[in-house]
Amino acid sequence: MPFILSIETSTQVCSAAIHHRGKLISSLEVHEENAHASKLAIIIDRILKETKTEKLVAVAVSSGPGSYTGLRIGASTAKGICYAANVPLVSVTTLELLTYQFNQTVSFDGLLCPMVDARRDEVYCMVTDNQLKVIDPLQAKIIDGLSFQNELSNNKIAFFGNGAMKCNRLIKHPNAFFFDGFYPKASALGEMAFQKFTNNDVEDIISFEPHYLKEFIAKTARTIF
């Protein structure tokens, strides 16, 4: 039977899900900071056992942008399972996933802007219409009082994702609407992945890397004398 395992680790929430022909069978989420390395394998093993899934046809993973460490853990885990099970890898960008989730749950007559936190006043974002056609492509953007003012002058814009709520103090406009509580989920990832798998839109497992957008900057301790 065509089961797809989905893995989502691009933000602070770690999740995994099993879908059958795009229909959700089971999912688990862990809402803990820095829990991906210790919890991802556990929740994958648990949902595989609970659903008695023995044969996968693909593994899906969110490709970013997002947490550097989280994306590395998700991608390496997904690739390892693909090698072991001899199945293809499907990827979906985090912002596409967020936009799909929003469009499935909220009726909004305007543009959509998913935002993933990139620290300080910077976010990873893009803008689409409500048919999910890309208006402004994925980018890392520093938000200030002038951000999106041209677009907002002619359109309502829905801002959502874990980077959105920190921006409502900077983006001031009557056409700006902020929606809290949206984060990328494996339970939705599997729905998108099934369509890509059906169209044979799969990744090269050897060369696949997450879409980081920015280089990783290691945090170093500083000693003050």
N, C-alpha and C. Protein backbone atom coordinates (compact mmCIF):
# COMPACT_ATOMS: atom_id res chain seq x y z
N MET A 1 0.84 -1.20 0.00
CA MET A 1 0.00 0.00 0.00
C MET A 1 0.89 1.25 0.00
N PRO A 2 0.49 2.30 -0.71
CA PRO A 2 1.34 3.49 -0.87
C PRO A 2 1.36 4.41 0.34
N PHE A 3 2.19 4.07 1.32
CA PHE A 3 2.34 4.91 2.51
C PHE A 3 3.51 5.85 2.33
N ILE A 4 3.35 7.11 2.74
CA ILE A 4 4.42 8.09 2.72
C ILE A 4 4.68 8.55 4.15
N LEU A 5 5.94 8.54 4.55
CA LEU A 5 6.36 9.08 5.83
C LEU A 5 6.80 10.53 5.61
N SER A 6 6.27 11.44 6.40
CA SER A 6 6.63 12.86 6.29
C SER A 6 7.33 13.33 7.56
N ILE A 7 8.36 14.16 7.36
CA ILE A 7 9.18 14.67 8.46
C ILE A 7 9.27 16.19 8.36
N GLU A 8 8.93 16.87 9.47
CA GLU A 8 8.99 18.33 9.46
C GLU A 8 9.79 18.82 10.67
N THR A 9 10.92 19.48 10.41
CA THR A 9 11.82 19.91 11.48
C THR A 9 12.36 21.33 11.24
N SER A 10 11.68 22.13 10.45
CA SER A 10 12.23 23.43 10.06
C SER A 10 12.08 24.52 11.11
N THR A 11 11.20 24.30 12.10
CA THR A 11 11.03 25.28 13.18
C THR A 11 11.22 24.56 14.51
N GLN A 12 10.80 25.21 15.61
CA GLN A 12 10.99 24.60 16.93
C GLN A 12 10.10 23.39 17.17
N VAL A 13 9.05 23.22 16.35
CA VAL A 13 8.17 22.05 16.46
C VAL A 13 8.71 20.93 15.59
N CYS A 14 8.83 19.76 16.16
CA CYS A 14 9.29 18.58 15.44
C CYS A 14 8.09 17.64 15.23
N SER A 15 7.85 17.24 13.98
CA SER A 15 6.69 16.38 13.74
C SER A 15 6.96 15.35 12.65
N ALA A 16 6.17 14.29 12.70
CA ALA A 16 6.24 13.23 11.69
C ALA A 16 4.83 12.70 11.46
N ALA A 17 4.59 12.18 10.26
CA ALA A 17 3.23 11.71 9.93
C ALA A 17 3.30 10.59 8.91
N ILE A 18 2.25 9.79 8.89
CA ILE A 18 2.05 8.75 7.89
C ILE A 18 0.79 9.07 7.10
N HIS A 19 0.90 9.05 5.77
CA HIS A 19 -0.26 9.26 4.89
C HIS A 19 -0.42 8.06 3.95
N HIS A 20 -1.66 7.76 3.63
CA HIS A 20 -1.97 6.75 2.64
C HIS A 20 -2.74 7.41 1.51
N ARG A 21 -2.12 7.46 0.33
CA ARG A 21 -2.72 8.15 -0.82
C ARG A 21 -3.13 9.58 -0.49
N GLY A 22 -2.29 10.26 0.28
CA GLY A 22 -2.54 11.65 0.63
C GLY A 22 -3.46 11.86 1.81
N LYS A 23 -4.01 10.79 2.36
CA LYS A 23 -4.91 10.89 3.51
C LYS A 23 -4.13 10.61 4.79
N LEU A 24 -4.27 11.50 5.77
CA LEU A 24 -3.54 11.35 7.02
C LEU A 24 -4.00 10.11 7.79
N ILE A 25 -3.03 9.29 8.19
CA ILE A 25 -3.29 8.10 9.00
C ILE A 25 -2.91 8.36 10.46
N SER A 26 -1.74 8.97 10.65
CA SER A 26 -1.28 9.23 12.01
C SER A 26 -0.21 10.32 11.98
N SER A 27 -0.14 11.11 13.06
CA SER A 27 0.91 12.11 13.17
C SER A 27 1.24 12.35 14.64
N LEU A 28 2.46 12.77 14.89
CA LEU A 28 2.91 13.11 16.23
C LEU A 28 3.73 14.39 16.16
N GLU A 29 3.60 15.23 17.19
CA GLU A 29 4.36 16.47 17.25
C GLU A 29 5.04 16.59 18.61
N VAL A 30 6.22 17.20 18.63
CA VAL A 30 6.92 17.51 19.87
C VAL A 30 7.15 19.01 19.90
N HIS A 31 6.60 19.67 20.91
CA HIS A 31 6.72 21.12 21.06
C HIS A 31 7.75 21.42 22.16
N GLU A 32 9.01 21.18 21.84
CA GLU A 32 10.08 21.43 22.79
C GLU A 32 11.24 22.06 22.05
N GLU A 33 11.90 23.02 22.68
CA GLU A 33 13.08 23.64 22.08
C GLU A 33 14.21 22.60 21.97
N ASN A 34 14.86 22.60 20.82
CA ASN A 34 16.06 21.78 20.61
C ASN A 34 15.83 20.29 20.88
N ALA A 35 14.63 19.82 20.53
CA ALA A 35 14.31 18.41 20.79
C ALA A 35 14.45 17.52 19.56
N HIS A 36 14.77 18.11 18.41
CA HIS A 36 14.77 17.35 17.16
C HIS A 36 15.73 16.15 17.20
N ALA A 37 16.94 16.39 17.68
CA ALA A 37 17.95 15.33 17.66
C ALA A 37 17.54 14.16 18.56
N SER A 38 16.92 14.47 19.70
CA SER A 38 16.60 13.41 20.66
C SER A 38 15.23 12.79 20.45
N LYS A 39 14.31 13.49 19.79
CA LYS A 39 12.93 13.02 19.72
C LYS A 39 12.47 12.56 18.33
N LEU A 40 13.13 13.02 17.26
CA LEU A 40 12.62 12.71 15.91
C LEU A 40 12.57 11.21 15.66
N ALA A 41 13.66 10.50 15.91
CA ALA A 41 13.68 9.05 15.65
C ALA A 41 12.64 8.32 16.50
N ILE A 42 12.40 8.82 17.70
CA ILE A 42 11.44 8.19 18.59
C ILE A 42 10.02 8.30 18.06
N ILE A 43 9.64 9.51 17.61
CA ILE A 43 8.27 9.67 17.12
C ILE A 43 8.06 8.98 15.78
N ILE A 44 9.12 8.90 14.95
CA ILE A 44 9.00 8.15 13.70
C ILE A 44 8.76 6.68 13.99
N ASP A 45 9.56 6.13 14.89
CA ASP A 45 9.41 4.71 15.25
C ASP A 45 8.02 4.44 15.84
N ARG A 46 7.55 5.38 16.64
CA ARG A 46 6.25 5.18 17.28
C ARG A 46 5.10 5.16 16.27
N ILE A 47 5.08 6.12 15.31
CA ILE A 47 3.96 6.13 14.37
C ILE A 47 4.05 4.97 13.37
N LEU A 48 5.27 4.54 13.05
CA LEU A 48 5.39 3.37 12.17
C LEU A 48 4.84 2.12 12.85
N LYS A 49 5.12 1.99 14.16
CA LYS A 49 4.63 0.82 14.90
C LYS A 49 3.12 0.92 15.13
N GLU A 50 2.63 2.09 15.49
CA GLU A 50 1.20 2.26 15.77
C GLU A 50 0.35 2.01 14.53
N THR A 51 0.86 2.41 13.36
CA THR A 51 0.10 2.23 12.12
C THR A 51 0.43 0.90 11.44
N LYS A 52 1.39 0.17 12.03
CA LYS A 52 1.83 -1.11 11.47
C LYS A 52 2.26 -0.97 10.02
N THR A 53 2.96 0.17 9.76
CA THR A 53 3.46 0.44 8.41
C THR A 53 4.75 -0.33 8.18
N GLU A 54 4.72 -1.24 7.24
CA GLU A 54 5.91 -2.04 6.93
C GLU A 54 6.55 -1.62 5.62
N LYS A 55 5.76 -1.05 4.71
CA LYS A 55 6.29 -0.71 3.39
C LYS A 55 5.98 0.74 3.05
N LEU A 56 7.03 1.52 2.88
CA LEU A 56 6.88 2.91 2.44
C LEU A 56 7.13 3.00 0.94
N VAL A 57 6.46 3.97 0.31
CA VAL A 57 6.75 4.23 -1.11
C VAL A 57 7.58 5.49 -1.28
N ALA A 58 7.66 6.32 -0.22
CA ALA A 58 8.45 7.55 -0.29
C ALA A 58 8.59 8.13 1.11
N VAL A 59 9.56 9.01 1.24
CA VAL A 59 9.73 9.81 2.45
C VAL A 59 9.71 11.27 2.02
N ALA A 60 8.95 12.09 2.76
CA ALA A 60 8.86 13.51 2.45
C ALA A 60 9.51 14.31 3.57
N VAL A 61 10.12 15.44 3.20
CA VAL A 61 10.77 16.29 4.18
C VAL A 61 10.60 17.74 3.77
N SER A 62 10.47 18.62 4.76
CA SER A 62 10.45 20.05 4.45
C SER A 62 11.89 20.49 4.18
N SER A 63 12.07 21.26 3.11
CA SER A 63 13.42 21.58 2.64
C SER A 63 13.91 22.95 3.10
N GLY A 64 13.10 23.66 3.92
CA GLY A 64 13.52 24.96 4.39
C GLY A 64 12.92 26.08 3.55
N PRO A 65 13.28 27.30 3.91
CA PRO A 65 14.25 27.68 4.94
C PRO A 65 13.69 27.52 6.34
N GLY A 66 14.59 27.68 7.32
CA GLY A 66 14.19 27.53 8.70
C GLY A 66 15.42 27.32 9.57
N SER A 67 15.24 26.60 10.67
CA SER A 67 16.33 26.32 11.59
C SER A 67 17.40 25.48 10.90
N TYR A 68 18.63 25.98 10.92
CA TYR A 68 19.73 25.26 10.26
C TYR A 68 19.87 23.85 10.85
N THR A 69 19.94 23.79 12.17
CA THR A 69 20.13 22.49 12.82
C THR A 69 18.94 21.58 12.57
N GLY A 70 17.73 22.13 12.71
CA GLY A 70 16.54 21.32 12.49
C GLY A 70 16.47 20.76 11.08
N LEU A 71 16.78 21.59 10.10
CA LEU A 71 16.75 21.14 8.70
C LEU A 71 17.78 20.05 8.45
N ARG A 72 18.98 20.21 9.03
CA ARG A 72 20.02 19.19 8.85
C ARG A 72 19.58 17.85 9.44
N ILE A 73 18.97 17.90 10.62
CA ILE A 73 18.52 16.66 11.26
C ILE A 73 17.40 16.01 10.44
N GLY A 74 16.44 16.81 9.99
CA GLY A 74 15.34 16.27 9.20
C GLY A 74 15.81 15.68 7.89
N ALA A 75 16.70 16.39 7.19
CA ALA A 75 17.18 15.92 5.89
C ALA A 75 18.01 14.65 6.03
N SER A 76 18.91 14.62 7.00
CA SER A 76 19.76 13.44 7.16
C SER A 76 18.94 12.22 7.58
N THR A 77 17.94 12.43 8.42
CA THR A 77 17.07 11.32 8.83
C THR A 77 16.27 10.80 7.64
N ALA A 78 15.68 11.72 6.87
CA ALA A 78 14.89 11.33 5.71
C ALA A 78 15.74 10.59 4.68
N LYS A 79 16.94 11.09 4.41
CA LYS A 79 17.81 10.44 3.43
C LYS A 79 18.23 9.05 3.91
N GLY A 80 18.50 8.92 5.21
CA GLY A 80 18.88 7.62 5.75
C GLY A 80 17.77 6.59 5.59
N ILE A 81 16.53 7.00 5.84
CA ILE A 81 15.40 6.08 5.68
C ILE A 81 15.20 5.73 4.21
N CYS A 82 15.38 6.71 3.34
CA CYS A 82 15.24 6.46 1.90
C CYS A 82 16.26 5.42 1.43
N TYR A 83 17.50 5.56 1.88
CA TYR A 83 18.53 4.58 1.51
C TYR A 83 18.18 3.19 2.04
N ALA A 84 17.77 3.14 3.30
CA ALA A 84 17.48 1.84 3.93
C ALA A 84 16.28 1.16 3.29
N ALA A 85 15.25 1.94 2.95
CA ALA A 85 14.01 1.37 2.41
C ALA A 85 14.00 1.35 0.88
N ASN A 86 15.03 1.96 0.27
CA ASN A 86 15.12 2.03 -1.19
C ASN A 86 13.88 2.70 -1.80
N VAL A 87 13.55 3.87 -1.26
CA VAL A 87 12.39 4.63 -1.74
C VAL A 87 12.84 6.05 -2.06
N PRO A 88 12.08 6.78 -2.88
CA PRO A 88 12.47 8.14 -3.26
C PRO A 88 12.21 9.16 -2.16
N LEU A 89 12.88 10.31 -2.31
CA LEU A 89 12.73 11.42 -1.39
C LEU A 89 11.95 12.54 -2.07
N VAL A 90 10.95 13.07 -1.36
CA VAL A 90 10.15 14.19 -1.85
C VAL A 90 10.37 15.37 -0.91
N SER A 91 10.53 16.57 -1.46
CA SER A 91 10.72 17.74 -0.61
C SER A 91 9.70 18.82 -0.95
N VAL A 92 9.35 19.59 0.07
CA VAL A 92 8.45 20.73 -0.07
C VAL A 92 9.05 21.87 0.73
N THR A 93 9.12 23.08 0.18
CA THR A 93 9.69 24.19 0.93
C THR A 93 8.77 24.55 2.10
N THR A 94 9.40 25.05 3.16
CA THR A 94 8.65 25.39 4.37
C THR A 94 7.59 26.45 4.09
N LEU A 95 7.91 27.43 3.25
CA LEU A 95 6.96 28.51 2.99
C LEU A 95 5.80 28.03 2.13
N GLU A 96 6.07 27.13 1.18
CA GLU A 96 4.97 26.54 0.41
C GLU A 96 4.05 25.74 1.32
N LEU A 97 4.64 25.03 2.26
CA LEU A 97 3.87 24.23 3.19
C LEU A 97 2.99 25.11 4.08
N LEU A 98 3.56 26.18 4.62
CA LEU A 98 2.79 27.11 5.44
C LEU A 98 1.64 27.73 4.65
N THR A 99 1.91 28.12 3.41
CA THR A 99 0.88 28.74 2.57
C THR A 99 -0.25 27.77 2.29
N TYR A 100 0.11 26.52 2.00
CA TYR A 100 -0.88 25.47 1.76
C TYR A 100 -1.76 25.28 3.00
N GLN A 101 -1.13 25.22 4.18
CA GLN A 101 -1.88 25.03 5.42
C GLN A 101 -2.85 26.20 5.66
N PHE A 102 -2.36 27.42 5.45
CA PHE A 102 -3.20 28.59 5.67
C PHE A 102 -4.38 28.58 4.71
N ASN A 103 -4.11 28.27 3.46
CA ASN A 103 -5.16 28.29 2.44
C ASN A 103 -6.21 27.21 2.68
N GLN A 104 -5.81 26.13 3.36
CA GLN A 104 -6.74 25.05 3.66
C GLN A 104 -7.66 25.37 4.83
N THR A 105 -7.27 26.32 5.66
CA THR A 105 -8.01 26.55 6.91
C THR A 105 -8.61 27.95 7.03
N VAL A 106 -8.12 28.92 6.26
CA VAL A 106 -8.59 30.30 6.38
C VAL A 106 -9.06 30.80 5.01
N SER A 107 -10.23 31.40 4.97
CA SER A 107 -10.72 32.04 3.75
C SER A 107 -10.31 33.50 3.80
N PHE A 108 -9.38 33.88 2.92
CA PHE A 108 -8.84 35.24 2.97
C PHE A 108 -8.81 35.81 1.56
N ASP A 109 -9.42 36.96 1.38
CA ASP A 109 -9.48 37.61 0.08
C ASP A 109 -8.34 38.62 -0.03
N GLY A 110 -7.17 38.13 -0.39
CA GLY A 110 -6.01 39.00 -0.49
C GLY A 110 -4.76 38.18 -0.75
N LEU A 111 -3.60 38.81 -0.56
CA LEU A 111 -2.33 38.13 -0.75
C LEU A 111 -1.92 37.40 0.53
N LEU A 112 -1.08 36.40 0.37
CA LEU A 112 -0.62 35.58 1.49
C LEU A 112 0.88 35.72 1.65
N CYS A 113 1.33 35.91 2.89
CA CYS A 113 2.76 36.06 3.14
C CYS A 113 3.18 35.19 4.33
N PRO A 114 3.64 33.97 4.05
CA PRO A 114 4.18 33.13 5.13
C PRO A 114 5.53 33.68 5.58
N MET A 115 5.79 33.61 6.88
CA MET A 115 7.05 34.12 7.44
C MET A 115 7.63 33.11 8.41
N VAL A 116 8.91 32.80 8.23
CA VAL A 116 9.64 31.95 9.16
C VAL A 116 10.71 32.81 9.82
N ASP A 117 10.79 32.72 11.13
CA ASP A 117 11.72 33.54 11.90
C ASP A 117 13.16 33.28 11.47
N ALA A 118 13.90 34.37 11.21
CA ALA A 118 15.32 34.28 10.87
C ALA A 118 16.16 35.09 11.86
N ARG A 119 15.64 35.33 13.04
CA ARG A 119 16.29 36.04 14.13
C ARG A 119 16.23 37.56 13.94
N ARG A 120 16.27 38.26 15.04
CA ARG A 120 16.17 39.72 15.11
C ARG A 120 14.95 40.18 14.31
N ASP A 121 15.11 41.17 13.44
CA ASP A 121 13.98 41.66 12.65
C ASP A 121 13.99 41.10 11.23
N GLU A 122 14.58 39.95 11.05
CA GLU A 122 14.66 39.32 9.73
C GLU A 122 13.77 38.09 9.68
N VAL A 123 13.15 37.87 8.53
CA VAL A 123 12.33 36.68 8.31
C VAL A 123 12.63 36.11 6.93
N TYR A 124 12.32 34.82 6.77
CA TYR A 124 12.26 34.21 5.45
C TYR A 124 10.80 34.34 5.02
N CYS A 125 10.57 34.83 3.83
CA CYS A 125 9.18 35.05 3.43
C CYS A 125 9.02 34.98 1.91
N MET A 126 7.78 34.94 1.48
CA MET A 126 7.41 35.11 0.08
C MET A 126 5.97 35.61 0.07
N VAL A 127 5.51 36.04 -1.10
CA VAL A 127 4.14 36.52 -1.23
C VAL A 127 3.47 35.77 -2.37
N THR A 128 2.26 35.25 -2.14
CA THR A 128 1.49 34.58 -3.18
C THR A 128 0.09 35.18 -3.21
N ASP A 129 -0.64 34.90 -4.29
CA ASP A 129 -2.06 35.22 -4.26
C ASP A 129 -2.80 34.06 -3.59
N ASN A 130 -4.13 34.17 -3.45
CA ASN A 130 -4.84 33.11 -2.73
C ASN A 130 -5.08 31.85 -3.57
N GLN A 131 -4.52 31.85 -4.79
CA GLN A 131 -4.47 30.63 -5.60
C GLN A 131 -3.08 30.00 -5.53
N LEU A 132 -2.24 30.55 -4.65
CA LEU A 132 -0.88 30.09 -4.39
C LEU A 132 0.10 30.39 -5.52
N LYS A 133 -0.25 31.32 -6.41
CA LYS A 133 0.68 31.78 -7.43
C LYS A 133 1.65 32.77 -6.80
N VAL A 134 2.96 32.54 -7.03
CA VAL A 134 3.98 33.36 -6.38
C VAL A 134 4.02 34.75 -6.99
N ILE A 135 3.91 35.77 -6.12
CA ILE A 135 4.01 37.17 -6.52
C ILE A 135 5.42 37.69 -6.27
N ASP A 136 5.92 37.48 -5.05
CA ASP A 136 7.31 37.80 -4.69
C ASP A 136 7.96 36.51 -4.22
N PRO A 137 9.11 36.15 -4.82
CA PRO A 137 9.72 34.85 -4.50
C PRO A 137 10.32 34.80 -3.10
N LEU A 138 10.64 33.59 -2.70
CA LEU A 138 11.23 33.33 -1.40
C LEU A 138 12.50 34.15 -1.21
N GLN A 139 12.63 34.77 -0.04
CA GLN A 139 13.80 35.60 0.25
C GLN A 139 13.98 35.76 1.75
N ALA A 140 15.18 36.15 2.14
CA ALA A 140 15.44 36.58 3.52
C ALA A 140 15.27 38.10 3.53
N LYS A 141 14.41 38.60 4.43
CA LYS A 141 14.04 40.02 4.39
C LYS A 141 14.11 40.63 5.78
N ILE A 142 14.81 41.75 5.90
CA ILE A 142 14.82 42.52 7.14
C ILE A 142 13.59 43.42 7.14
N ILE A 143 12.77 43.29 8.17
CA ILE A 143 11.50 43.99 8.24
C ILE A 143 11.66 45.33 8.96
N ASP A 144 11.11 46.37 8.34
CA ASP A 144 11.06 47.68 8.98
C ASP A 144 9.72 48.34 8.66
N GLY A 145 9.57 49.59 9.00
CA GLY A 145 8.30 50.28 8.81
C GLY A 145 7.89 50.47 7.37
N LEU A 146 8.81 50.30 6.44
CA LEU A 146 8.50 50.47 5.02
C LEU A 146 8.21 49.16 4.30
N SER A 147 8.42 48.05 4.98
CA SER A 147 8.26 46.74 4.34
C SER A 147 6.82 46.51 3.88
N PHE A 148 6.67 46.06 2.66
CA PHE A 148 5.39 45.68 2.05
C PHE A 148 4.42 46.85 1.86
N GLN A 149 4.89 48.09 2.03
CA GLN A 149 3.98 49.23 1.93
C GLN A 149 3.40 49.37 0.52
N ASN A 150 4.19 49.10 -0.51
CA ASN A 150 3.66 49.18 -1.88
C ASN A 150 2.56 48.15 -2.11
N GLU A 151 2.81 46.93 -1.67
CA GLU A 151 1.82 45.87 -1.84
C GLU A 151 0.57 46.14 -1.02
N LEU A 152 0.76 46.66 0.20
CA LEU A 152 -0.36 46.92 1.08
C LEU A 152 -1.23 48.08 0.62
N SER A 153 -0.67 48.96 -0.19
CA SER A 153 -1.46 50.09 -0.67
C SER A 153 -2.58 49.65 -1.60
N ASN A 154 -2.44 48.46 -2.20
CA ASN A 154 -3.44 47.98 -3.16
C ASN A 154 -4.07 46.64 -2.78
N ASN A 155 -3.55 46.01 -1.70
CA ASN A 155 -4.02 44.66 -1.38
C ASN A 155 -4.07 44.45 0.13
N LYS A 156 -4.99 43.62 0.55
CA LYS A 156 -4.92 43.06 1.89
C LYS A 156 -3.84 41.97 1.87
N ILE A 157 -3.08 41.85 2.94
CA ILE A 157 -2.07 40.79 3.04
C ILE A 157 -2.22 40.07 4.37
N ALA A 158 -2.26 38.75 4.32
CA ALA A 158 -2.27 37.92 5.51
C ALA A 158 -0.84 37.50 5.82
N PHE A 159 -0.37 37.82 7.02
CA PHE A 159 0.96 37.43 7.47
C PHE A 159 0.80 36.33 8.52
N PHE A 160 1.54 35.23 8.37
CA PHE A 160 1.39 34.09 9.28
C PHE A 160 2.69 33.30 9.31
N GLY A 161 2.81 32.44 10.29
CA GLY A 161 4.05 31.70 10.49
C GLY A 161 4.75 32.21 11.74
N ASN A 162 5.80 31.50 12.19
CA ASN A 162 6.42 31.87 13.46
C ASN A 162 7.24 33.16 13.38
N GLY A 163 7.40 33.72 12.20
CA GLY A 163 8.08 35.00 12.07
C GLY A 163 7.13 36.17 11.95
N ALA A 164 5.84 35.90 11.84
CA ALA A 164 4.88 36.97 11.54
C ALA A 164 4.56 37.85 12.74
N MET A 165 4.35 37.24 13.90
CA MET A 165 3.85 38.01 15.03
C MET A 165 4.87 39.03 15.54
N LYS A 166 6.15 38.78 15.34
CA LYS A 166 7.13 39.78 15.77
C LYS A 166 7.16 40.97 14.82
N CYS A 167 6.51 40.83 13.65
CA CYS A 167 6.53 41.91 12.66
C CYS A 167 5.35 42.85 12.77
N ASN A 168 4.34 42.49 13.58
CA ASN A 168 3.17 43.36 13.64
C ASN A 168 3.45 44.67 14.36
N ARG A 169 4.57 44.77 15.07
CA ARG A 169 4.96 46.05 15.67
C ARG A 169 5.66 46.94 14.66
N LEU A 170 6.08 46.37 13.52
CA LEU A 170 6.81 47.12 12.50
C LEU A 170 5.96 47.42 11.28
N ILE A 171 5.12 46.47 10.90
CA ILE A 171 4.27 46.65 9.71
C ILE A 171 2.93 47.21 10.17
N LYS A 172 2.75 48.48 9.98
CA LYS A 172 1.53 49.16 10.41
C LYS A 172 0.74 49.62 9.19
N HIS A 173 -0.38 48.96 8.93
CA HIS A 173 -1.22 49.34 7.79
C HIS A 173 -2.59 48.68 7.97
N PRO A 174 -3.67 49.37 7.61
CA PRO A 174 -5.01 48.77 7.78
C PRO A 174 -5.23 47.54 6.91
N ASN A 175 -4.41 47.34 5.88
CA ASN A 175 -4.54 46.16 5.03
C ASN A 175 -3.67 44.99 5.48
N ALA A 176 -2.95 45.16 6.59
CA ALA A 176 -2.09 44.09 7.11
C ALA A 176 -2.84 43.31 8.19
N PHE A 177 -2.94 41.99 8.00
CA PHE A 177 -3.64 41.11 8.93
C PHE A 177 -2.68 40.03 9.41
N PHE A 178 -2.58 39.86 10.71
CA PHE A 178 -1.64 38.90 11.29
C PHE A 178 -2.40 37.74 11.94
N PHE A 179 -1.96 36.52 11.61
CA PHE A 179 -2.60 35.30 12.09
C PHE A 179 -1.60 34.50 12.91
N ASP A 180 -1.92 34.29 14.16
CA ASP A 180 -1.03 33.56 15.07
C ASP A 180 -1.35 32.06 15.03
N GLY A 181 -0.40 31.26 15.48
CA GLY A 181 -0.65 29.82 15.66
C GLY A 181 -0.32 28.95 14.48
N PHE A 182 0.21 29.52 13.39
CA PHE A 182 0.55 28.70 12.22
C PHE A 182 2.01 28.29 12.26
N TYR A 183 2.26 27.00 12.15
CA TYR A 183 3.61 26.47 12.06
C TYR A 183 3.57 25.27 11.11
N PRO A 184 4.65 24.98 10.41
CA PRO A 184 4.64 23.88 9.44
C PRO A 184 4.44 22.54 10.11
N LYS A 185 3.59 21.70 9.51
CA LYS A 185 3.23 20.41 10.11
C LYS A 185 3.46 19.27 9.13
N ALA A 186 3.95 18.16 9.65
CA ALA A 186 4.10 16.96 8.84
C ALA A 186 2.76 16.44 8.36
N SER A 187 1.71 16.69 9.14
CA SER A 187 0.38 16.21 8.77
C SER A 187 -0.12 16.84 7.47
N ALA A 188 0.32 18.06 7.17
CA ALA A 188 -0.02 18.71 5.90
C ALA A 188 1.02 18.42 4.83
N LEU A 189 2.26 18.25 5.26
CA LEU A 189 3.34 17.96 4.33
C LEU A 189 3.05 16.71 3.50
N GLY A 190 2.50 15.69 4.13
CA GLY A 190 2.21 14.44 3.42
C GLY A 190 1.19 14.60 2.32
N GLU A 191 0.24 15.53 2.51
CA GLU A 191 -0.76 15.78 1.46
C GLU A 191 -0.09 16.36 0.22
N MET A 192 0.78 17.34 0.41
CA MET A 192 1.50 17.94 -0.71
C MET A 192 2.47 16.95 -1.34
N ALA A 193 3.13 16.17 -0.49
CA ALA A 193 4.13 15.22 -0.98
C ALA A 193 3.51 14.14 -1.86
N PHE A 194 2.29 13.73 -1.53
CA PHE A 194 1.64 12.69 -2.34
C PHE A 194 1.43 13.17 -3.76
N GLN A 195 1.04 14.44 -3.93
CA GLN A 195 0.86 14.99 -5.28
C GLN A 195 2.18 15.02 -6.03
N LYS A 196 3.25 15.42 -5.37
CA LYS A 196 4.56 15.47 -6.02
C LYS A 196 5.05 14.06 -6.35
N PHE A 197 4.81 13.12 -5.44
CA PHE A 197 5.20 11.73 -5.69
C PHE A 197 4.44 11.16 -6.89
N THR A 198 3.14 11.46 -6.96
CA THR A 198 2.32 10.99 -8.08
C THR A 198 2.84 11.52 -9.41
N ASN A 199 3.39 12.73 -9.40
CA ASN A 199 3.94 13.35 -10.60
C ASN A 199 5.42 13.03 -10.81
N ASN A 200 5.94 12.12 -9.99
CA ASN A 200 7.35 11.72 -10.04
C ASN A 200 8.29 12.91 -9.84
N ASP A 201 7.85 13.86 -9.03
CA ASP A 201 8.66 15.04 -8.71
C ASP A 201 9.44 14.73 -7.44
N VAL A 202 10.56 14.03 -7.61
CA VAL A 202 11.34 13.56 -6.47
C VAL A 202 12.77 14.12 -6.54
N GLU A 203 13.48 14.00 -5.43
CA GLU A 203 14.82 14.55 -5.33
C GLU A 203 15.89 13.49 -5.62
N ASP A 204 17.07 13.98 -5.99
CA ASP A 204 18.24 13.12 -6.04
C ASP A 204 18.74 12.99 -4.60
N ILE A 205 18.67 11.79 -4.06
CA ILE A 205 18.97 11.60 -2.64
C ILE A 205 20.42 11.98 -2.32
N ILE A 206 21.33 11.69 -3.23
CA ILE A 206 22.74 11.95 -2.97
C ILE A 206 23.02 13.45 -2.88
N SER A 207 22.47 14.21 -3.80
CA SER A 207 22.80 15.64 -3.87
C SER A 207 21.85 16.55 -3.09
N PHE A 208 20.74 16.03 -2.61
CA PHE A 208 19.76 16.89 -1.94
C PHE A 208 20.33 17.54 -0.69
N GLU A 209 20.11 18.84 -0.57
CA GLU A 209 20.45 19.61 0.62
C GLU A 209 19.30 20.55 0.93
N PRO A 210 19.06 20.83 2.20
CA PRO A 210 18.01 21.79 2.56
C PRO A 210 18.31 23.17 1.98
N HIS A 211 17.26 23.96 1.86
CA HIS A 211 17.36 25.32 1.30
C HIS A 211 17.54 26.28 2.47
N TYR A 212 18.81 26.58 2.80
CA TYR A 212 19.08 27.37 4.00
C TYR A 212 18.87 28.87 3.79
N LEU A 213 19.13 29.36 2.61
CA LEU A 213 19.11 30.79 2.26
C LEU A 213 20.29 31.56 2.83
N LYS A 214 20.64 31.31 4.09
CA LYS A 214 21.78 32.00 4.69
C LYS A 214 22.77 30.98 5.20
N GLU A 215 24.04 31.38 5.26
CA GLU A 215 25.07 30.52 5.81
C GLU A 215 24.87 30.39 7.32
N PHE A 216 25.22 29.22 7.84
CA PHE A 216 25.13 28.99 9.27
C PHE A 216 26.24 29.75 9.98
N ILE A 217 25.88 30.48 11.04
CA ILE A 217 26.86 31.19 11.85
C ILE A 217 26.87 30.57 13.23
N ALA A 218 27.97 29.94 13.57
CA ALA A 218 28.06 29.27 14.86
C ALA A 218 28.13 30.30 15.99
N LYS A 219 27.43 30.00 17.08
CA LYS A 219 27.50 30.87 18.24
C LYS A 219 28.76 30.53 19.03
N THR A 220 29.56 31.54 19.38
CA THR A 220 30.78 31.32 20.13
C THR A 220 30.72 32.10 21.42
N ALA A 221 31.32 31.52 22.45
CA ALA A 221 31.36 32.21 23.74
C ALA A 221 32.41 33.30 23.69
N ARG A 222 32.16 34.40 24.37
CA ARG A 222 33.11 35.50 24.41
C ARG A 222 33.51 35.74 25.86
N THR A 223 34.79 35.77 26.10
CA THR A 223 35.30 36.01 27.44
C THR A 223 35.68 37.47 27.59
N ILE A 224 35.23 38.10 28.62
CA ILE A 224 35.54 39.50 28.87
C ILE A 224 36.54 39.59 30.01
N PHE A 225 37.66 40.21 29.70
CA PHE A 225 38.71 40.34 30.72
C PHE A 225 38.61 41.71 31.37
